[in-house]
Amino acid sequence: MGCRYRPDQIPNDISVIGEKTHKIYDEKLFPEEMGNISIYTEMGRFMLATYDALITKVNHEKHIYKEYIGVDSRAENPMRLAIY
């Protein structure tokens, strides 16, 4: 879905995106008797890009062939886990 990076860009309308997704879901899945399938999305830039910082605390460190740092926050606090 992306997000607005500059003030002159028009932001995405999540309600329009949801309505169109629901329409396609109904058109494609219900005729095939797959209307019980759920659709989930990853938290992404659309929801989180406007945040400037994630404040967290380091819990532990692991020094092997790579360096690992464990922190006390999770994906919903507010960045995606893959970014840590």
N, C-alpha and C. Protein backbone atom coordinates (compact mmCIF):
# COMPACT_ATOMS: atom_id res chain seq x y z
N MET A 1 0.81 -1.19 0.00
CA MET A 1 0.00 0.00 0.00
C MET A 1 0.85 1.25 0.00
N GLY A 2 2.00 1.17 0.57
CA GLY A 2 2.88 2.33 0.58
C GLY A 2 2.41 3.44 1.49
N CYS A 3 3.14 4.51 1.48
CA CYS A 3 2.80 5.65 2.33
C CYS A 3 3.21 6.94 1.64
N ARG A 4 2.85 8.03 2.25
CA ARG A 4 3.17 9.35 1.73
C ARG A 4 4.53 9.77 2.28
N TYR A 5 5.51 9.96 1.41
CA TYR A 5 6.85 10.35 1.82
C TYR A 5 7.06 11.85 1.79
N ARG A 6 6.32 12.55 0.93
CA ARG A 6 6.47 14.00 0.82
C ARG A 6 5.11 14.66 1.01
N PRO A 7 5.07 15.88 1.51
CA PRO A 7 3.80 16.56 1.74
C PRO A 7 2.95 16.74 0.48
N ASP A 8 3.58 16.80 -0.69
CA ASP A 8 2.81 17.01 -1.92
C ASP A 8 2.17 15.72 -2.45
N GLN A 9 2.49 14.57 -1.87
CA GLN A 9 1.92 13.30 -2.31
C GLN A 9 0.54 13.09 -1.66
N ILE A 10 -0.35 12.47 -2.40
CA ILE A 10 -1.69 12.17 -1.89
C ILE A 10 -1.62 10.84 -1.13
N PRO A 11 -2.08 10.83 0.13
CA PRO A 11 -2.03 9.58 0.89
C PRO A 11 -3.04 8.56 0.39
N ASN A 12 -2.76 7.28 0.61
CA ASN A 12 -3.70 6.22 0.26
C ASN A 12 -4.91 6.27 1.19
N ASP A 13 -6.07 5.96 0.66
CA ASP A 13 -7.29 5.90 1.45
C ASP A 13 -7.54 4.45 1.82
N ILE A 14 -7.30 4.09 3.07
CA ILE A 14 -7.39 2.69 3.50
C ILE A 14 -8.81 2.15 3.35
N SER A 15 -9.82 2.99 3.49
CA SER A 15 -11.20 2.50 3.35
C SER A 15 -11.49 2.12 1.89
N VAL A 16 -10.97 2.87 0.94
CA VAL A 16 -11.15 2.53 -0.49
C VAL A 16 -10.41 1.23 -0.80
N ILE A 17 -9.20 1.09 -0.29
CA ILE A 17 -8.43 -0.13 -0.51
C ILE A 17 -9.18 -1.33 0.09
N GLY A 18 -9.73 -1.17 1.28
CA GLY A 18 -10.49 -2.24 1.92
C GLY A 18 -11.73 -2.62 1.14
N GLU A 19 -12.45 -1.61 0.65
CA GLU A 19 -13.67 -1.88 -0.14
C GLU A 19 -13.34 -2.65 -1.43
N LYS A 20 -12.29 -2.23 -2.12
CA LYS A 20 -11.90 -2.90 -3.36
C LYS A 20 -11.42 -4.33 -3.10
N THR A 21 -10.67 -4.51 -2.01
CA THR A 21 -10.21 -5.85 -1.65
C THR A 21 -11.41 -6.74 -1.34
N HIS A 22 -12.36 -6.21 -0.59
CA HIS A 22 -13.56 -6.98 -0.24
C HIS A 22 -14.36 -7.35 -1.49
N LYS A 23 -14.46 -6.44 -2.43
CA LYS A 23 -15.18 -6.70 -3.68
C LYS A 23 -14.53 -7.85 -4.46
N ILE A 24 -13.22 -7.79 -4.61
CA ILE A 24 -12.50 -8.84 -5.33
C ILE A 24 -12.61 -10.17 -4.58
N TYR A 25 -12.51 -10.13 -3.27
CA TYR A 25 -12.67 -11.33 -2.44
C TYR A 25 -14.02 -11.98 -2.73
N ASP A 26 -15.09 -11.16 -2.70
CA ASP A 26 -16.44 -11.68 -2.95
C ASP A 26 -16.59 -12.21 -4.38
N GLU A 27 -16.01 -11.53 -5.35
CA GLU A 27 -16.13 -11.95 -6.75
C GLU A 27 -15.36 -13.23 -7.06
N LYS A 28 -14.20 -13.39 -6.46
CA LYS A 28 -13.33 -14.51 -6.82
C LYS A 28 -13.48 -15.73 -5.92
N LEU A 29 -13.62 -15.52 -4.61
CA LEU A 29 -13.60 -16.65 -3.69
C LEU A 29 -14.96 -17.28 -3.44
N PHE A 30 -16.01 -16.48 -3.31
CA PHE A 30 -17.32 -17.04 -3.03
C PHE A 30 -17.82 -17.97 -4.14
N PRO A 31 -17.69 -17.62 -5.42
CA PRO A 31 -18.13 -18.55 -6.46
C PRO A 31 -17.39 -19.89 -6.43
N GLU A 32 -16.18 -19.90 -5.92
CA GLU A 32 -15.39 -21.13 -5.84
C GLU A 32 -15.57 -21.83 -4.50
N GLU A 33 -16.56 -21.39 -3.71
CA GLU A 33 -16.84 -21.95 -2.38
C GLU A 33 -15.63 -21.84 -1.45
N MET A 34 -14.91 -20.72 -1.54
CA MET A 34 -13.77 -20.48 -0.66
C MET A 34 -14.00 -19.22 0.17
N GLY A 35 -15.26 -18.91 0.47
CA GLY A 35 -15.58 -17.71 1.23
C GLY A 35 -15.19 -17.75 2.68
N ASN A 36 -14.68 -18.89 3.16
CA ASN A 36 -14.25 -18.98 4.55
C ASN A 36 -12.75 -18.68 4.72
N ILE A 37 -12.09 -18.26 3.67
CA ILE A 37 -10.66 -17.93 3.73
C ILE A 37 -10.50 -16.52 4.30
N SER A 38 -9.56 -16.38 5.23
CA SER A 38 -9.27 -15.07 5.83
C SER A 38 -8.06 -14.45 5.14
N ILE A 39 -8.06 -13.15 5.07
CA ILE A 39 -6.93 -12.41 4.49
C ILE A 39 -6.30 -11.57 5.60
N TYR A 40 -4.99 -11.71 5.76
CA TYR A 40 -4.25 -10.93 6.74
C TYR A 40 -3.14 -10.19 6.03
N THR A 41 -2.78 -9.04 6.55
CA THR A 41 -1.67 -8.29 5.98
C THR A 41 -0.63 -8.01 7.05
N GLU A 42 0.58 -7.80 6.61
CA GLU A 42 1.66 -7.43 7.52
C GLU A 42 1.53 -5.96 7.86
N MET A 43 1.88 -5.61 9.09
CA MET A 43 1.95 -4.19 9.40
C MET A 43 3.01 -3.61 8.48
N GLY A 44 2.75 -2.49 7.92
CA GLY A 44 3.70 -1.97 6.96
C GLY A 44 3.86 -0.48 7.03
N ARG A 45 4.49 0.03 6.01
CA ARG A 45 4.76 1.47 5.96
C ARG A 45 3.51 2.31 6.05
N PHE A 46 2.40 1.83 5.47
CA PHE A 46 1.17 2.62 5.48
C PHE A 46 0.79 3.01 6.91
N MET A 47 0.91 2.06 7.83
CA MET A 47 0.52 2.31 9.21
C MET A 47 1.62 2.95 10.05
N LEU A 48 2.87 2.66 9.73
CA LEU A 48 3.95 2.98 10.66
C LEU A 48 4.96 4.02 10.20
N ALA A 49 4.93 4.41 8.95
CA ALA A 49 5.98 5.28 8.42
C ALA A 49 6.00 6.67 9.04
N THR A 50 4.90 7.09 9.61
CA THR A 50 4.87 8.44 10.18
C THR A 50 5.54 8.52 11.54
N TYR A 51 5.89 7.37 12.13
CA TYR A 51 6.59 7.39 13.41
C TYR A 51 8.06 7.67 13.18
N ASP A 52 8.64 8.46 14.06
CA ASP A 52 10.03 8.88 13.88
C ASP A 52 11.02 7.97 14.59
N ALA A 53 10.61 7.31 15.67
CA ALA A 53 11.59 6.55 16.44
C ALA A 53 10.93 5.39 17.16
N LEU A 54 11.73 4.40 17.43
CA LEU A 54 11.33 3.30 18.28
C LEU A 54 12.27 3.33 19.47
N ILE A 55 11.72 3.48 20.66
CA ILE A 55 12.53 3.52 21.88
C ILE A 55 12.40 2.16 22.54
N THR A 56 13.53 1.52 22.75
CA THR A 56 13.53 0.18 23.32
C THR A 56 14.77 0.00 24.19
N LYS A 57 14.85 -1.13 24.89
CA LYS A 57 15.97 -1.42 25.77
C LYS A 57 16.62 -2.73 25.34
N VAL A 58 17.95 -2.77 25.35
CA VAL A 58 18.68 -3.98 25.00
C VAL A 58 18.60 -4.95 26.17
N ASN A 59 18.16 -6.20 25.89
CA ASN A 59 18.07 -7.23 26.92
C ASN A 59 19.31 -8.11 26.96
N HIS A 60 19.84 -8.44 25.79
CA HIS A 60 21.02 -9.32 25.74
C HIS A 60 21.75 -9.14 24.41
N GLU A 61 23.00 -9.62 24.41
CA GLU A 61 23.82 -9.58 23.21
C GLU A 61 24.35 -10.99 22.93
N LYS A 62 24.54 -11.30 21.66
CA LYS A 62 25.09 -12.59 21.28
C LYS A 62 26.20 -12.32 20.27
N HIS A 63 27.41 -12.75 20.61
CA HIS A 63 28.57 -12.50 19.77
C HIS A 63 29.08 -13.83 19.21
N ILE A 64 28.64 -14.14 17.98
CA ILE A 64 29.14 -15.33 17.30
C ILE A 64 29.65 -14.86 15.94
N TYR A 65 29.47 -15.62 14.89
CA TYR A 65 29.95 -15.17 13.57
C TYR A 65 29.22 -13.91 13.13
N LYS A 66 28.09 -13.62 13.76
CA LYS A 66 27.35 -12.37 13.56
C LYS A 66 27.08 -11.76 14.92
N GLU A 67 26.74 -10.49 14.90
CA GLU A 67 26.38 -9.82 16.15
C GLU A 67 24.87 -9.75 16.26
N TYR A 68 24.32 -10.17 17.39
CA TYR A 68 22.88 -10.12 17.63
C TYR A 68 22.60 -9.30 18.88
N ILE A 69 21.56 -8.51 18.83
CA ILE A 69 21.12 -7.72 19.97
C ILE A 69 19.66 -8.04 20.22
N GLY A 70 19.33 -8.48 21.43
CA GLY A 70 17.93 -8.73 21.80
C GLY A 70 17.35 -7.50 22.47
N VAL A 71 16.15 -7.14 22.10
CA VAL A 71 15.51 -5.94 22.66
C VAL A 71 14.16 -6.30 23.28
N ASP A 72 13.60 -5.36 24.05
CA ASP A 72 12.35 -5.62 24.76
C ASP A 72 11.11 -5.14 24.01
N SER A 73 11.19 -5.00 22.71
CA SER A 73 10.02 -4.59 21.94
C SER A 73 9.69 -5.66 20.91
N ARG A 74 8.48 -5.58 20.38
CA ARG A 74 8.04 -6.55 19.39
C ARG A 74 7.60 -5.83 18.13
N ALA A 75 7.13 -6.59 17.15
CA ALA A 75 6.75 -6.04 15.85
C ALA A 75 5.67 -4.98 15.96
N GLU A 76 4.80 -5.10 16.93
CA GLU A 76 3.73 -4.11 17.04
C GLU A 76 4.13 -2.88 17.85
N ASN A 77 5.41 -2.76 18.18
CA ASN A 77 5.87 -1.64 19.00
C ASN A 77 6.85 -0.70 18.34
N PRO A 78 6.73 -0.08 17.30
CA PRO A 78 5.77 -0.10 16.22
C PRO A 78 6.34 -0.61 14.91
N MET A 79 7.65 -0.91 14.81
CA MET A 79 8.25 -1.26 13.53
C MET A 79 8.13 -2.75 13.22
N ARG A 80 8.33 -3.10 11.97
CA ARG A 80 8.32 -4.51 11.57
C ARG A 80 9.53 -5.24 12.13
N LEU A 81 9.34 -6.47 12.50
CA LEU A 81 10.41 -7.27 13.11
C LEU A 81 11.63 -7.38 12.20
N ALA A 82 11.42 -7.46 10.91
CA ALA A 82 12.53 -7.64 9.97
C ALA A 82 13.48 -6.45 9.96
N ILE A 83 13.06 -5.32 10.46
CA ILE A 83 13.91 -4.12 10.44
C ILE A 83 14.87 -4.09 11.63
N TYR A 84 14.57 -4.79 12.71
CA TYR A 84 15.40 -4.72 13.92
C TYR A 84 16.81 -5.15 13.62
